[in-house]
């Protein structure tokens, strides 16, 4: 399989030369995207790095890490790449791991492979506590929004994807900023693609990070909440309707009734000073217990339903051919 590496470049002139030099011979194409970098990363790369595999792409205005990666993805697909690897240019990721990332895709075990910095306890201790807390929180809500319960570290930018899986995604609708990695997981979950983690160790030195946790946390929480609701409605009430759907529906109804009735009865008891009767307590507690059990069953079913068969094995794509494709077919 032909492997392409995509590197978004923004204020990475101190590290990019070393990153590209460490990319092994298994890679056929390297696309570096200058995302309107104030340090002129594109000019720096062309002047200092002489690698025949390398091509520099430029943006007239900054589009964010997601926009830069999407530009590289499209260029790699046009070049005929089968596996597309995304590596950051700030030196936090070891390019020597590329062969490990692409191996599960090459043998047909996965459609998308991503790094996980939480596999090793020693690696976690080296991570700044702000990043540790933020990634732990985001990992949990990403499990809810994407349906990938067995993965962690969703914002990890070291990824590899099969071309067939990538072509099934509408790249025009993928988030262009810091939500890019999470949005990719959400859209891959909608496709039922197989995603796996690869252990890795990140290096934190003098790299420049433009992300501010306080600024993006609310945005991430809102986006993940909306994606969770959409996934559950689509997966359990539109695409399919099963016993899990009934458990979710009646579980929510019973739990809501029990909590609401109990709160009203409790407030009335406080106001009047008259203790609630045993029947009133049971009428509140029983729906809460039953509803909670039903929701636990639904969660267990959802976890067990994580995709198992890679879509690359199915040899199908949901990509809609463009008009140019139709014209080419008609000419042939």
Protein backbone atom coordinates (compact mmCIF):
# COMPACT_ATOMS: atom_id res chain seq x y z
CA UNK A 1 0.00 0.00 0.00
CA UNK A 2 1.17 3.52 -0.79
CA UNK A 3 1.60 5.58 2.36
CA UNK A 4 1.33 9.37 2.54
CA UNK A 5 2.21 11.56 5.52
CA UNK A 6 0.33 14.82 6.08
CA UNK A 7 1.96 17.46 8.31
CA UNK A 8 0.06 20.65 9.26
CA UNK A 9 2.61 23.42 9.76
CA UNK A 10 2.07 26.44 12.00
CA UNK A 11 4.99 27.84 13.98
CA UNK A 12 6.99 24.62 13.69
CA UNK A 13 10.23 25.83 12.07
CA UNK A 14 12.26 24.72 15.12
CA UNK A 15 11.14 21.11 14.81
CA UNK A 16 9.91 20.38 11.30
CA UNK A 17 13.31 19.59 9.78
CA UNK A 18 13.96 16.87 12.34
CA UNK A 19 10.43 15.47 12.00
CA UNK A 20 10.70 15.04 8.23
CA UNK A 21 14.23 13.64 8.46
CA UNK A 22 12.94 10.84 10.71
CA UNK A 23 10.19 9.69 8.33
CA UNK A 24 11.18 6.25 7.07
CA UNK A 25 11.42 4.87 3.53
CA UNK A 26 8.06 3.10 3.84
CA UNK A 27 6.43 6.48 3.16
CA UNK A 28 5.96 7.42 -0.50
CA UNK A 29 4.53 10.93 -0.18
CA UNK A 30 4.99 13.75 2.34
CA UNK A 31 2.67 16.74 2.26
CA UNK A 32 3.54 19.74 4.45
CA UNK A 33 0.78 22.35 4.67
CA UNK A 34 1.77 25.92 5.51
CA UNK A 35 -1.41 27.14 7.20
CA UNK A 36 -0.66 30.85 6.71
CA UNK A 37 2.17 30.43 9.22
CA UNK A 38 3.64 33.76 10.43
CA UNK A 39 7.08 32.09 10.45
CA UNK A 40 6.73 31.18 6.75
CA UNK A 41 7.05 27.46 7.44
CA UNK A 42 6.53 26.60 3.77
CA UNK A 43 9.46 28.72 2.59
CA UNK A 44 11.63 27.37 5.39
CA UNK A 45 10.84 23.77 4.45
CA UNK A 46 11.54 24.28 0.76
CA UNK A 47 14.83 26.05 1.45
CA UNK A 48 16.22 23.66 4.06
CA UNK A 49 14.77 20.20 3.31
CA UNK A 50 15.65 18.31 0.15
CA UNK A 51 13.45 15.24 0.12
CA UNK A 52 12.03 14.08 -3.23
CA UNK A 53 8.91 12.79 -1.49
CA UNK A 54 8.09 16.21 -0.07
CA UNK A 55 5.54 18.66 -1.44
CA UNK A 56 4.63 21.95 0.26
CA UNK A 57 1.06 23.23 0.10
CA UNK A 58 0.08 26.73 1.22
CA UNK A 59 -3.03 28.40 2.59
CA UNK A 60 -3.63 32.09 1.93
CA UNK A 61 -5.38 32.37 5.32
CA UNK A 62 -5.27 30.31 8.48
CA UNK A 63 -7.87 27.53 8.53
CA UNK A 64 -6.86 25.70 11.69
CA UNK A 65 -5.25 22.31 12.13
CA UNK A 66 -8.28 20.52 10.70
CA UNK A 67 -8.35 22.68 7.58
CA UNK A 68 -4.64 22.09 6.98
CA UNK A 69 -4.98 18.32 7.41
CA UNK A 70 -7.98 18.18 5.08
CA UNK A 71 -5.96 19.97 2.40
CA UNK A 72 -3.22 17.38 2.84
CA UNK A 73 -5.73 14.53 2.80
CA UNK A 74 -7.18 15.67 -0.50
CA UNK A 75 -3.75 16.05 -2.06
CA UNK A 76 -2.75 12.57 -0.85
CA UNK A 77 -5.93 11.01 -2.23
CA UNK A 78 -5.31 12.66 -5.59
CA UNK A 79 -1.75 11.26 -5.54
CA UNK A 80 -3.19 7.75 -5.10
CA UNK A 81 -2.25 7.08 -1.47
CA UNK A 82 -3.87 4.05 0.17
CA UNK A 83 -3.04 4.94 3.78
CA UNK A 84 -2.83 8.52 5.02
CA UNK A 85 -0.89 9.30 8.19
CA UNK A 86 -1.22 12.59 10.04
CA UNK A 87 1.81 13.73 12.05
CA UNK A 88 2.20 17.06 13.81
CA UNK A 89 5.24 19.14 12.96
CA UNK A 90 6.08 20.22 16.52
CA UNK A 91 8.18 17.18 17.40
CA UNK A 92 5.78 15.68 19.96
CA UNK A 93 5.31 12.52 17.88
CA UNK A 94 7.90 9.97 16.82
CA UNK A 95 7.78 9.41 13.03
CA UNK A 96 9.54 6.09 13.63
CA UNK A 97 6.14 4.75 14.80
CA UNK A 98 4.52 5.23 11.40
CA UNK A 99 5.11 1.60 10.40
CA UNK A 100 3.33 0.46 13.59
CA UNK A 101 0.38 2.76 12.90
CA UNK A 102 -0.17 1.56 9.33
CA UNK A 103 0.32 -2.15 10.04
CA UNK A 104 -3.23 -2.82 11.41
CA UNK A 105 -4.68 -1.07 8.35
CA UNK A 106 -2.44 -2.96 5.92
CA UNK A 107 -3.55 -6.34 7.26
CA UNK A 108 -7.22 -5.32 7.26
CA UNK A 109 -7.79 -5.19 11.01
CA UNK A 110 -8.69 -1.48 11.22
CA UNK A 111 -9.84 1.50 9.20
CA UNK A 112 -8.42 4.17 11.50
CA UNK A 113 -5.53 4.00 13.93
CA UNK A 114 -4.70 6.66 16.50
CA UNK A 115 -2.13 7.18 19.21
CA UNK A 116 -2.83 6.79 22.91
CA UNK A 117 -0.56 8.53 25.41
CA UNK A 118 -2.32 6.93 28.40
CA UNK A 119 -1.23 3.32 27.92
CA UNK A 120 1.80 3.61 30.17
CA UNK A 121 1.73 4.87 33.74
CA UNK A 122 5.16 6.44 33.38
CA UNK A 123 4.04 8.29 30.25
CA UNK A 124 1.02 9.68 32.08
CA UNK A 125 3.22 11.00 34.88
CA UNK A 126 5.23 12.98 32.33
CA UNK A 127 2.12 14.67 30.92
CA UNK A 128 1.29 18.20 32.19
CA UNK A 129 -1.61 17.95 34.64
CA UNK A 130 -3.78 20.39 32.67
CA UNK A 131 -3.51 18.21 29.57
CA UNK A 132 -4.04 15.09 31.67
CA UNK A 133 -7.29 16.38 33.16
CA UNK A 134 -8.55 17.79 29.86
CA UNK A 135 -7.85 14.59 27.92
CA UNK A 136 -9.46 12.39 30.59
CA UNK A 137 -12.63 14.50 30.47
CA UNK A 138 -12.71 14.63 26.68
CA UNK A 139 -12.05 10.89 26.42
CA UNK A 140 -15.20 10.09 28.37
CA UNK A 141 -17.54 12.40 26.46
CA UNK A 142 -16.04 11.22 23.15
CA UNK A 143 -16.96 7.64 24.06
CA UNK A 144 -20.56 8.83 24.37
CA UNK A 145 -20.61 10.86 21.16
CA UNK A 146 -18.70 8.43 18.91
CA UNK A 147 -19.62 5.02 20.34
CA UNK A 148 -15.94 3.97 20.56
CA UNK A 149 -15.85 2.81 24.17
CA UNK A 150 -12.49 1.01 23.92
CA UNK A 151 -10.39 4.00 22.85
CA UNK A 152 -8.86 6.81 24.86
CA UNK A 153 -7.01 10.08 24.22
CA UNK A 154 -9.41 11.31 21.48
CA UNK A 155 -7.51 14.53 20.75
CA UNK A 156 -4.33 12.65 19.85
CA UNK A 157 -3.15 13.96 16.48
CA UNK A 158 -1.02 10.98 15.46
CA UNK A 159 -3.41 9.04 13.21
CA UNK A 160 -3.56 6.79 10.17
CA UNK A 161 -6.62 6.16 8.00
CA UNK A 162 -7.43 3.93 5.05
CA UNK A 163 -8.28 5.83 1.88
CA UNK A 164 -11.59 4.02 1.52
CA UNK A 165 -12.71 5.14 4.98
CA UNK A 166 -11.57 8.69 4.31
CA UNK A 167 -13.43 8.84 1.00
CA UNK A 168 -16.60 7.89 2.85
CA UNK A 169 -16.42 11.07 4.94
CA UNK A 170 -17.71 14.41 3.70
CA UNK A 171 -14.57 16.43 4.38
CA UNK A 172 -16.39 19.69 3.71
CA UNK A 173 -18.41 19.16 6.90
CA UNK A 174 -15.57 18.10 9.20
CA UNK A 175 -14.55 20.67 11.82
CA UNK A 176 -11.56 22.72 10.71
CA UNK A 177 -10.27 23.80 14.13
CA UNK A 178 -9.30 21.98 17.33
CA UNK A 179 -12.40 19.76 17.26
CA UNK A 180 -11.03 18.06 14.13
CA UNK A 181 -9.76 14.82 15.72
CA UNK A 182 -12.93 14.35 17.79
CA UNK A 183 -15.13 15.12 14.81
CA UNK A 184 -13.30 12.51 12.76
CA UNK A 185 -14.07 9.89 15.41
CA UNK A 186 -17.74 10.90 15.49
CA UNK A 187 -18.06 10.63 11.72
CA UNK A 188 -16.15 7.34 11.62
CA UNK A 189 -18.52 6.02 14.27
CA UNK A 190 -21.45 6.94 12.05
CA UNK A 191 -19.81 4.89 9.27
CA UNK A 192 -19.24 1.95 11.65
CA UNK A 193 -15.51 2.02 10.89
CA UNK A 194 -13.11 0.08 13.12
CA UNK A 195 -10.81 2.28 15.22
CA UNK A 196 -7.94 1.06 17.40
CA UNK A 197 -5.34 2.68 19.66
CA UNK A 198 -1.57 2.36 19.42
CA UNK A 199 0.53 3.10 22.54
CA UNK A 200 2.86 6.06 22.15
CA UNK A 201 4.82 8.52 24.24
CA UNK A 202 4.53 12.25 23.63
CA UNK A 203 7.47 14.62 24.03
CA UNK A 204 6.76 17.99 25.64
CA UNK A 205 9.50 20.54 25.16
CA UNK A 206 9.44 24.07 23.73
CA UNK A 207 6.70 23.51 21.16
CA UNK A 208 4.12 26.28 20.77
CA UNK A 209 0.49 25.39 21.45
CA UNK A 210 -2.29 27.72 20.39
CA UNK A 211 -5.04 25.88 22.23
CA UNK A 212 -6.57 27.28 25.41
CA UNK A 213 -8.40 24.67 27.47
CA UNK A 214 -10.78 27.18 29.06
CA UNK A 215 -11.76 28.51 25.65
CA UNK A 216 -12.45 25.21 23.90
CA UNK A 217 -13.88 23.15 26.77
CA UNK A 218 -17.37 24.65 26.54
CA UNK A 219 -17.35 24.33 22.75
CA UNK A 220 -16.21 20.72 22.97
CA UNK A 221 -18.86 19.90 25.59
CA UNK A 222 -21.63 21.39 23.47
CA UNK A 223 -20.49 19.66 20.28
CA UNK A 224 -20.13 16.28 21.99
CA UNK A 225 -23.55 16.59 23.65
CA UNK A 226 -25.21 17.36 20.33
CA UNK A 227 -23.32 14.49 18.64
CA UNK A 228 -24.36 12.07 21.41
CA UNK A 229 -28.04 12.92 20.99
CA UNK A 230 -27.80 12.60 17.20
CA UNK A 231 -25.95 9.26 17.42
CA UNK A 232 -28.45 7.72 19.82
CA UNK A 233 -31.49 8.87 17.84
CA UNK A 234 -30.02 7.68 14.56
CA UNK A 235 -28.54 4.39 15.78
CA UNK A 236 -31.40 3.25 17.98
CA UNK A 237 -34.53 4.82 16.51
CA UNK A 238 -33.86 5.48 12.81
CA UNK A 239 -31.25 2.99 11.61
CA UNK A 240 -32.50 0.24 13.92
CA UNK A 241 -35.03 -0.37 16.68
CA UNK A 242 -34.19 -3.08 19.20
CA UNK A 243 -34.59 -4.14 22.81
CA UNK A 244 -31.92 -1.61 23.69
CA UNK A 245 -34.08 1.13 22.16
CA UNK A 246 -37.00 0.13 24.38
CA UNK A 247 -34.78 0.02 27.46
CA UNK A 248 -33.48 3.50 26.68
CA UNK A 249 -36.95 4.91 26.05
CA UNK A 250 -38.66 3.45 29.11
CA UNK A 251 -35.57 3.92 31.26
CA UNK A 252 -35.59 7.66 30.61
CA UNK A 253 -39.34 7.87 31.20
CA UNK A 254 -39.24 5.92 34.47
CA UNK A 255 -36.17 7.70 35.81
CA UNK A 256 -37.60 11.11 34.94
CA UNK A 257 -40.96 10.28 36.52
CA UNK A 258 -39.37 8.87 39.69
CA UNK A 259 -37.06 11.83 40.20
CA UNK A 260 -39.76 14.41 39.42
CA UNK A 261 -42.43 12.75 41.57
CA UNK A 262 -39.96 12.27 44.42
CA UNK A 263 -38.81 15.88 44.28
CA UNK A 264 -42.41 17.16 44.34
CA UNK A 265 -43.38 14.83 47.19
CA UNK A 266 -40.25 15.72 49.17
CA UNK A 267 -40.78 19.46 48.78
CA UNK A 268 -44.44 19.05 49.79
CA UNK A 269 -43.41 17.09 52.87
CA UNK A 270 -40.93 19.81 53.82
CA UNK A 271 -43.55 22.53 53.38
CA UNK A 272 -46.30 20.79 55.37
CA UNK A 273 -44.13 19.02 57.92
CA UNK A 274 -46.01 15.77 57.23
CA UNK A 275 -43.72 12.77 56.49
CA UNK A 276 -44.26 11.06 53.17
CA UNK A 277 -46.09 7.73 53.31
CA UNK A 278 -44.46 4.43 52.45
CA UNK A 279 -46.49 4.22 49.26
CA UNK A 280 -45.33 7.66 48.16
CA UNK A 281 -41.70 6.71 48.76
CA UNK A 282 -42.06 3.47 46.82
CA UNK A 283 -43.86 5.23 43.98
CA UNK A 284 -40.78 7.39 43.61
CA UNK A 285 -38.02 4.88 44.39
CA UNK A 286 -39.27 1.97 42.25
CA UNK A 287 -39.32 3.88 38.91
CA UNK A 288 -35.89 5.29 39.71
CA UNK A 289 -34.44 1.82 40.34
CA UNK A 290 -36.09 0.28 37.29
CA UNK A 291 -35.18 3.20 35.05
CA UNK A 292 -31.57 3.11 36.19
CA UNK A 293 -31.36 -0.64 35.52
CA UNK A 294 -32.80 -0.18 32.03
CA UNK A 295 -30.27 2.54 31.26
CA UNK A 296 -27.48 0.27 32.49
CA UNK A 297 -28.68 -2.43 30.10
CA UNK A 298 -28.71 0.10 27.27
CA UNK A 299 -25.16 1.23 28.11
CA UNK A 300 -23.99 -2.40 28.18
CA UNK A 301 -25.59 -3.02 24.78
CA UNK A 302 -24.06 0.15 23.33
CA UNK A 303 -20.58 -0.81 24.55
CA UNK A 304 -20.91 -4.31 23.07
CA UNK A 305 -22.06 -2.80 19.74
CA UNK A 306 -18.74 -1.12 18.97
CA UNK A 307 -17.82 -1.77 15.29
CA UNK A 308 -15.92 -5.01 14.71
CA UNK A 309 -15.68 -5.39 10.90
CA UNK A 310 -13.52 -2.81 9.07
CA UNK A 311 -15.34 -1.09 6.23
CA UNK A 312 -12.24 -1.53 4.04
CA UNK A 313 -13.00 -5.28 4.04
CA UNK A 314 -16.52 -4.60 2.85
CA UNK A 315 -15.09 -2.75 -0.14
CA UNK A 316 -17.86 -0.18 -0.11
CA UNK A 317 -17.86 3.58 0.17
CA UNK A 318 -20.62 6.05 0.93
CA UNK A 319 -18.85 8.73 -1.05
CA UNK A 320 -21.12 10.32 -3.66
CA UNK A 321 -19.31 10.74 -7.01
CA UNK A 322 -18.85 14.33 -8.10
CA UNK A 323 -20.10 15.58 -11.43
CA UNK A 324 -16.57 15.39 -12.80
CA UNK A 325 -16.60 11.68 -12.00
CA UNK A 326 -19.78 11.19 -13.98
CA UNK A 327 -18.38 13.11 -16.91
CA UNK A 328 -15.24 10.98 -16.86
CA UNK A 329 -17.33 7.79 -16.86
CA UNK A 330 -19.49 9.02 -19.71
CA UNK A 331 -16.41 9.81 -21.80
CA UNK A 332 -15.07 6.31 -21.17
